[in-house]
Amino acid sequence: MPDTPPARWMQWRVKLVKKPTEVSAIERRLAGNAVGTRHELPAPDGIRHGFVARIRQEIAAGTYDSEERWLAAEEMLLSRIEAGD
């Protein structure tokens, strides 16, 4: 009986991903200058309440969305598309 080739479903595909601790320059620009909240540890429920409160204040004041943030997000999206992520 001849040897049969392995089934296609048996082939492994490995995709390398960034470590969770790696942060790109674009992601740092998107995060902005969150003084005091960048190093805040999550509460037992997993939420960084100080960070959430700061973001809510920025949204209410109308300062959360800025041209710089949109450009950084666009740059990150395009780089991810080019990388094939």
C-alpha atoms as a PDB file:
ATOM      1  CA  MET A   1       0.000   0.000   0.000  1.00  0.00           C
ATOM      2  CA  PRO A   2       1.511   3.412  -0.959  1.00  0.00           C
ATOM      3  CA  ASP A   3       2.231   6.076   1.636  1.00  0.00           C
ATOM      4  CA  THR A   4      -0.366   8.819   1.580  1.00  0.00           C
ATOM      5  CA  PRO A   5       0.594  12.452   2.104  1.00  0.00           C
ATOM      6  CA  PRO A   6      -0.487  14.018   5.400  1.00  0.00           C
ATOM      7  CA  ALA A   7      -3.853  15.704   5.394  1.00  0.00           C
ATOM      8  CA  ARG A   8      -3.828  19.488   5.039  1.00  0.00           C
ATOM      9  CA  TRP A   9      -5.562  19.915   8.391  1.00  0.00           C
ATOM     10  CA  MET A  10      -2.562  18.323  10.059  1.00  0.00           C
ATOM     11  CA  GLN A  11      -0.171  21.083   8.947  1.00  0.00           C
ATOM     12  CA  TRP A  12       0.659  23.560  11.664  1.00  0.00           C
ATOM     13  CA  ARG A  13       0.807  27.275  11.091  1.00  0.00           C
ATOM     14  CA  VAL A  14       2.579  29.441  13.580  1.00  0.00           C
ATOM     15  CA  LYS A  15       2.106  33.190  13.757  1.00  0.00           C
ATOM     16  CA  LEU A  16       4.501  35.207  15.862  1.00  0.00           C
ATOM     17  CA  VAL A  17       2.833  37.918  17.888  1.00  0.00           C
ATOM     18  CA  LYS A  18       4.140  40.728  20.036  1.00  0.00           C
ATOM     19  CA  LYS A  19       4.590  40.102  23.696  1.00  0.00           C
ATOM     20  CA  PRO A  20       1.821  41.765  25.712  1.00  0.00           C
ATOM     21  CA  THR A  21       4.396  44.041  27.357  1.00  0.00           C
ATOM     22  CA  GLU A  22       5.687  45.394  24.030  1.00  0.00           C
ATOM     23  CA  VAL A  23       4.182  48.739  23.144  1.00  0.00           C
ATOM     24  CA  SER A  24       4.931  50.380  19.826  1.00  0.00           C
ATOM     25  CA  ALA A  25       5.673  54.076  19.463  1.00  0.00           C
ATOM     26  CA  ILE A  26       2.321  54.547  17.748  1.00  0.00           C
ATOM     27  CA  GLU A  27       0.463  52.913  20.637  1.00  0.00           C
ATOM     28  CA  ARG A  28       2.323  55.176  23.075  1.00  0.00           C
ATOM     29  CA  ARG A  29       1.228  58.205  21.051  1.00  0.00           C
ATOM     30  CA  LEU A  30      -2.363  56.965  21.117  1.00  0.00           C
ATOM     31  CA  ALA A  31      -2.212  56.535  24.879  1.00  0.00           C
ATOM     32  CA  GLY A  32      -1.334  60.213  25.279  1.00  0.00           C
ATOM     33  CA  ASN A  33       0.102  61.717  28.419  1.00  0.00           C
ATOM     34  CA  ALA A  34      -1.931  60.017  31.097  1.00  0.00           C
ATOM     35  CA  VAL A  35       0.073  61.172  34.096  1.00  0.00           C
ATOM     36  CA  GLY A  36      -0.627  59.012  37.107  1.00  0.00           C
ATOM     37  CA  THR A  37      -2.944  56.621  35.296  1.00  0.00           C
ATOM     38  CA  ARG A  38      -0.408  54.850  33.074  1.00  0.00           C
ATOM     39  CA  HIS A  39       1.034  53.032  36.076  1.00  0.00           C
ATOM     40  CA  GLU A  40      -2.255  52.513  37.823  1.00  0.00           C
ATOM     41  CA  LEU A  41      -2.871  48.878  38.684  1.00  0.00           C
ATOM     42  CA  PRO A  42      -6.253  47.400  37.850  1.00  0.00           C
ATOM     43  CA  ALA A  43      -8.724  46.994  40.706  1.00  0.00           C
ATOM     44  CA  PRO A  44      -9.827  43.477  41.678  1.00  0.00           C
ATOM     45  CA  ASP A  45     -12.518  43.708  38.994  1.00  0.00           C
ATOM     46  CA  GLY A  46      -9.803  44.281  36.351  1.00  0.00           C
ATOM     47  CA  ILE A  47     -10.723  47.910  35.660  1.00  0.00           C
ATOM     48  CA  ARG A  48      -8.397  50.894  36.036  1.00  0.00           C
ATOM     49  CA  HIS A  49     -11.005  53.220  37.505  1.00  0.00           C
ATOM     50  CA  GLY A  50      -8.795  56.322  37.506  1.00  0.00           C
ATOM     51  CA  PHE A  51      -8.088  55.850  33.812  1.00  0.00           C
ATOM     52  CA  VAL A  52     -11.779  55.358  33.023  1.00  0.00           C
ATOM     53  CA  ALA A  53     -12.673  58.510  34.980  1.00  0.00           C
ATOM     54  CA  ARG A  54     -10.029  60.538  33.099  1.00  0.00           C
ATOM     55  CA  ILE A  55     -11.272  59.326  29.711  1.00  0.00           C
ATOM     56  CA  ARG A  56     -14.879  60.128  30.652  1.00  0.00           C
ATOM     57  CA  GLN A  57     -13.838  63.651  31.645  1.00  0.00           C
ATOM     58  CA  GLU A  58     -12.007  64.143  28.332  1.00  0.00           C
ATOM     59  CA  ILE A  59     -15.019  62.898  26.358  1.00  0.00           C
ATOM     60  CA  ALA A  60     -17.355  65.220  28.284  1.00  0.00           C
ATOM     61  CA  ALA A  61     -15.002  68.168  27.699  1.00  0.00           C
ATOM     62  CA  GLY A  62     -14.705  67.317  24.002  1.00  0.00           C
ATOM     63  CA  THR A  63     -10.916  66.946  24.125  1.00  0.00           C
ATOM     64  CA  TYR A  64     -10.606  63.164  23.827  1.00  0.00           C
ATOM     65  CA  ASP A  65     -10.574  63.005  20.029  1.00  0.00           C
ATOM     66  CA  SER A  66      -7.728  65.043  18.619  1.00  0.00           C
ATOM     67  CA  GLU A  67      -6.193  65.238  15.166  1.00  0.00           C
ATOM     68  CA  GLU A  68      -2.988  63.672  16.534  1.00  0.00           C
ATOM     69  CA  ARG A  69      -4.881  60.662  17.920  1.00  0.00           C
ATOM     70  CA  TRP A  70      -6.719  60.111  14.633  1.00  0.00           C
ATOM     71  CA  LEU A  71      -3.484  60.308  12.647  1.00  0.00           C
ATOM     72  CA  ALA A  72      -1.731  57.902  15.034  1.00  0.00           C
ATOM     73  CA  ALA A  73      -4.657  55.464  14.835  1.00  0.00           C
ATOM     74  CA  GLU A  74      -4.637  55.673  11.048  1.00  0.00           C
ATOM     75  CA  GLU A  75      -0.877  55.066  10.966  1.00  0.00           C
ATOM     76  CA  MET A  76      -1.227  52.057  13.269  1.00  0.00           C
ATOM     77  CA  LEU A  77      -4.062  50.617  11.155  1.00  0.00           C
ATOM     78  CA  LEU A  78      -2.077  50.973   7.937  1.00  0.00           C
ATOM     79  CA  SER A  79       1.039  49.424   9.472  1.00  0.00           C
ATOM     80  CA  ARG A  80      -1.006  46.450  10.702  1.00  0.00           C
ATOM     81  CA  ILE A  81      -2.523  46.000   7.234  1.00  0.00           C
ATOM     82  CA  GLU A  82       0.937  46.106   5.623  1.00  0.00           C
ATOM     83  CA  ALA A  83       2.271  43.570   8.152  1.00  0.00           C
ATOM     84  CA  GLY A  84      -0.654  41.247   7.468  1.00  0.00           C
ATOM     85  CA  ASP A  85      -1.986  41.135  11.038  1.00  0.00           C
END
